[in-house]
Amino acid sequence: MIATTRDKMIAGAADLMSRRGVNATSMRDVVRHTATPRGSISHHFPDGKRQLIAEAVVFAGRQVSGPLEKAMNERGAIAGLKAFITSWRRHLEATGFEAGCPVLAVAVDRYVGEVSDKGDARDEAAQQHLLDLANGVFADWQQIMRAALLREGLTPARAQRLATLVVASIEGTIAMCRAARKAHPLDQVQEELETILFEALGRTTP
């Protein structure tokens, strides 16, 4: 539940970024999308759009990492992977394949400053900061997957490689599903990733 105007704007920014990208998401768009007062921008985000986008990245990362860690801890690596992919499939289908991953949007869309940004635009610094945040989110998701694989007996090096493979595969496939307007690519990737994990963990595929 989004409790405050500030939280509502952060969640709304993440949603718009997932649909439009970073630069097509303006502060004015966020205000309209969230039905919040325009004065909320300067009050809650004194550094302007770059601050809002940065906080939206952190928010989006936590929205995934919380359920992902819970699934991995309670169900194990393979069942946790299924739950992870199922959540993305539901997200894609619920939005008519219009919304992808806002963290990926930050990674591929170069930031351009707005008038609302305080001081000079500092686009280069803002861009690097956003990339660092996105990289941190991806690393967090990989670490959750890695920890689950370590608990099931894999070596640290293999667990890290497979965790990277899982996150990279799903992120890339989300973009493919949006382009295809269907979940078939995600179904194919899920089947292959599960096969790889079963083999890595020395189990027989069902």
Protein backbone atom coordinates (compact mmCIF):
# COMPACT_ATOMS: atom_id res chain seq x y z
CA MET A 1 0.00 0.00 0.00
CA ILE A 2 1.36 3.45 -0.98
CA ALA A 3 0.95 5.52 2.18
CA THR A 4 2.22 9.02 1.41
CA THR A 5 2.22 11.49 -1.46
CA ARG A 6 5.98 11.10 -1.74
CA ASP A 7 5.76 7.30 -1.92
CA LYS A 8 2.94 7.58 -4.43
CA MET A 9 5.07 9.76 -6.69
CA ILE A 10 8.05 7.38 -6.45
CA ALA A 11 5.88 4.38 -7.33
CA GLY A 12 4.24 6.34 -10.13
CA ALA A 13 7.62 7.33 -11.56
CA ALA A 14 8.75 3.70 -11.51
CA ASP A 15 5.58 2.69 -13.34
CA LEU A 16 5.98 5.35 -16.02
CA MET A 17 9.67 4.49 -16.46
CA SER A 18 8.74 0.85 -17.00
CA ARG A 19 6.39 1.90 -19.82
CA ARG A 20 8.12 4.91 -21.41
CA GLY A 21 11.74 4.91 -20.32
CA VAL A 22 13.54 7.55 -18.29
CA ASN A 23 13.58 10.59 -20.55
CA ALA A 24 9.97 10.23 -21.69
CA THR A 25 8.96 10.35 -18.01
CA SER A 26 8.74 13.98 -16.95
CA MET A 27 7.94 15.40 -13.54
CA ARG A 28 4.72 16.80 -14.99
CA ASP A 29 3.80 13.32 -16.24
CA VAL A 30 4.36 11.86 -12.77
CA VAL A 31 2.11 14.50 -11.19
CA ARG A 32 -0.66 13.73 -13.68
CA HIS A 33 -0.17 9.97 -13.42
CA THR A 34 -0.34 9.97 -9.63
CA ALA A 35 -2.93 12.76 -9.24
CA THR A 36 -0.66 14.55 -6.77
CA PRO A 37 -0.24 18.31 -6.26
CA ARG A 38 2.35 19.92 -8.52
CA GLY A 39 3.86 21.63 -5.49
CA SER A 40 4.80 18.18 -4.22
CA ILE A 41 7.70 18.09 -6.67
CA SER A 42 9.83 20.78 -5.04
CA HIS A 43 8.66 19.82 -1.55
CA HIS A 44 9.49 16.11 -1.72
CA PHE A 45 12.22 16.16 -4.38
CA PRO A 46 14.26 19.34 -3.97
CA ASP A 47 16.90 18.08 -6.44
CA GLY A 48 14.29 17.59 -9.12
CA LYS A 49 13.79 14.76 -11.57
CA ARG A 50 17.16 13.14 -11.01
CA GLN A 51 16.30 12.62 -7.34
CA LEU A 52 12.87 11.18 -8.15
CA ILE A 53 14.26 8.79 -10.77
CA ALA A 54 16.99 7.62 -8.41
CA GLU A 55 14.48 6.88 -5.68
CA ALA A 56 12.21 5.13 -8.18
CA VAL A 57 15.09 2.81 -9.10
CA VAL A 58 15.64 1.89 -5.45
CA PHE A 59 11.89 1.38 -4.99
CA ALA A 60 11.63 -0.85 -8.07
CA GLY A 61 14.60 -2.91 -6.91
CA ARG A 62 13.04 -3.54 -3.52
CA GLN A 63 9.69 -4.43 -5.08
CA VAL A 64 11.43 -7.38 -6.73
CA SER A 65 14.12 -8.29 -4.22
CA GLY A 66 11.73 -8.72 -1.29
CA PRO A 67 9.45 -11.33 -2.91
CA LEU A 68 12.42 -12.93 -4.68
CA GLU A 69 14.36 -13.46 -1.45
CA LYS A 70 11.25 -14.79 0.28
CA ALA A 71 10.62 -17.26 -2.54
CA MET A 72 14.24 -18.44 -2.60
CA ASN A 73 14.35 -18.88 1.18
CA GLU A 74 11.04 -20.73 1.39
CA ARG A 75 11.05 -22.75 -1.83
CA GLY A 76 14.66 -23.17 -2.90
CA ALA A 77 16.41 -22.08 -6.08
CA ILE A 78 14.32 -23.84 -8.72
CA ALA A 79 10.89 -23.23 -7.20
CA GLY A 80 11.99 -19.70 -6.35
CA LEU A 81 12.97 -19.17 -9.98
CA LYS A 82 9.50 -20.31 -11.06
CA ALA A 83 7.89 -17.84 -8.68
CA PHE A 84 10.20 -15.05 -9.91
CA ILE A 85 9.31 -15.67 -13.54
CA THR A 86 5.63 -16.09 -12.75
CA SER A 87 5.57 -12.67 -11.10
CA TRP A 88 7.10 -11.07 -14.19
CA ARG A 89 4.68 -12.89 -16.47
CA ARG A 90 1.73 -11.61 -14.44
CA HIS A 91 3.15 -8.09 -14.53
CA LEU A 92 3.55 -8.18 -18.30
CA GLU A 93 0.10 -9.63 -18.91
CA ALA A 94 -1.60 -7.29 -16.44
CA THR A 95 -0.20 -4.26 -18.27
CA GLY A 96 -0.91 -5.59 -21.74
CA PHE A 97 2.86 -6.00 -22.25
CA GLU A 98 3.28 -2.23 -22.00
CA ALA A 99 5.33 -2.21 -18.79
CA GLY A 100 8.72 -3.84 -18.45
CA CYS A 101 11.46 -3.35 -15.87
CA PRO A 102 12.12 0.24 -14.76
CA VAL A 103 15.64 -0.72 -13.65
CA LEU A 104 16.45 -1.93 -17.16
CA ALA A 105 14.99 1.32 -18.51
CA VAL A 106 17.55 3.25 -16.47
CA ALA A 107 20.36 1.03 -17.72
CA VAL A 108 19.58 1.62 -21.40
CA ASP A 109 18.12 5.16 -21.48
CA ARG A 110 20.62 7.97 -21.05
CA TYR A 111 19.45 10.56 -18.52
CA VAL A 112 18.79 14.11 -19.71
CA GLY A 113 18.18 16.77 -17.07
CA GLU A 114 15.02 18.82 -16.62
CA VAL A 115 14.36 22.38 -15.56
CA SER A 116 13.33 20.97 -12.18
CA ASP A 117 16.90 19.78 -11.56
CA LYS A 118 18.61 22.16 -9.17
CA GLY A 119 21.77 23.94 -10.24
CA ASP A 120 23.34 22.95 -13.54
CA ALA A 121 21.97 19.86 -15.26
CA ARG A 122 24.98 17.72 -14.28
CA ASP A 123 23.73 15.10 -16.72
CA GLU A 124 26.98 13.12 -16.65
CA ALA A 125 27.01 12.85 -12.87
CA ALA A 126 23.31 12.02 -12.78
CA GLN A 127 23.74 9.40 -15.49
CA GLN A 128 26.58 7.72 -13.63
CA HIS A 129 24.66 7.77 -10.36
CA LEU A 130 21.62 6.16 -11.98
CA LEU A 131 23.76 3.52 -13.65
CA ASP A 132 25.41 2.74 -10.31
CA LEU A 133 21.98 2.35 -8.71
CA ALA A 134 20.75 0.07 -11.51
CA ASN A 135 23.92 -2.00 -11.28
CA GLY A 136 23.40 -2.31 -7.55
CA VAL A 137 19.85 -3.55 -8.02
CA PHE A 138 20.94 -6.17 -10.54
CA ALA A 139 23.76 -7.21 -8.20
CA ASP A 140 21.27 -7.54 -5.34
CA TRP A 141 19.02 -9.83 -7.40
CA GLN A 142 22.05 -11.89 -8.41
CA GLN A 143 23.17 -12.16 -4.80
CA ILE A 144 19.76 -13.49 -3.74
CA MET A 145 19.91 -16.15 -6.45
CA ARG A 146 23.56 -16.91 -5.67
CA ALA A 147 22.81 -17.41 -1.98
CA ALA A 148 20.04 -19.87 -2.81
CA LEU A 149 22.35 -21.87 -5.08
CA LEU A 150 25.09 -21.88 -2.44
CA ARG A 151 22.66 -23.30 0.09
CA GLU A 152 21.99 -26.13 -2.35
CA GLY A 153 25.64 -27.06 -2.68
CA LEU A 154 27.08 -25.20 -5.64
CA THR A 155 30.53 -23.64 -5.52
CA PRO A 156 30.66 -19.84 -5.17
CA ALA A 157 31.99 -19.38 -8.71
CA ARG A 158 29.32 -21.56 -10.34
CA ALA A 159 26.57 -20.05 -8.20
CA GLN A 160 27.64 -16.56 -9.28
CA ARG A 161 27.72 -17.46 -12.97
CA LEU A 162 24.29 -19.06 -12.84
CA ALA A 163 22.84 -16.17 -10.85
CA THR A 164 24.13 -13.77 -13.51
CA LEU A 165 22.68 -15.97 -16.23
CA VAL A 166 19.26 -16.05 -14.57
CA VAL A 167 18.99 -12.29 -14.04
CA ALA A 168 20.37 -11.43 -17.48
CA SER A 169 18.11 -13.95 -19.20
CA ILE A 170 14.95 -12.74 -17.51
CA GLU A 171 15.71 -9.06 -18.02
CA GLY A 172 16.42 -9.57 -21.70
CA THR A 173 13.38 -11.76 -22.17
CA ILE A 174 11.09 -9.17 -20.60
CA ALA A 175 12.09 -6.82 -23.41
CA MET A 176 11.45 -9.55 -25.98
CA CYS A 177 7.99 -10.22 -24.54
CA ARG A 178 7.10 -6.54 -24.79
CA ALA A 179 8.18 -6.51 -28.43
CA ALA A 180 6.29 -9.72 -29.23
CA ARG A 181 3.27 -8.72 -27.12
CA LYS A 182 3.16 -12.21 -25.67
CA ALA A 183 4.80 -14.30 -22.94
CA HIS A 184 6.07 -17.10 -25.16
CA PRO A 185 9.74 -16.00 -24.99
CA LEU A 186 9.55 -16.04 -21.18
CA ASP A 187 8.07 -19.55 -21.22
CA GLN A 188 10.94 -20.78 -23.38
CA VAL A 189 13.59 -19.15 -21.21
CA GLN A 190 12.00 -20.52 -18.04
CA GLU A 191 12.12 -24.06 -19.40
CA GLU A 192 15.77 -23.74 -20.39
CA LEU A 193 16.84 -22.10 -17.14
CA GLU A 194 15.11 -24.79 -15.10
CA THR A 195 16.87 -27.49 -17.13
CA ILE A 196 20.23 -25.82 -16.50
CA LEU A 197 19.58 -25.52 -12.77
CA PHE A 198 18.39 -29.12 -12.47
CA GLU A 199 21.58 -30.31 -14.18
CA ALA A 200 23.80 -28.03 -12.09
CA LEU A 201 22.24 -29.27 -8.87
CA GLY A 202 22.48 -32.91 -9.97
CA ARG A 203 18.76 -33.50 -10.10
CA THR A 204 16.52 -35.24 -12.58
CA THR A 205 14.22 -32.92 -14.49
CA PRO A 206 10.55 -33.66 -13.86
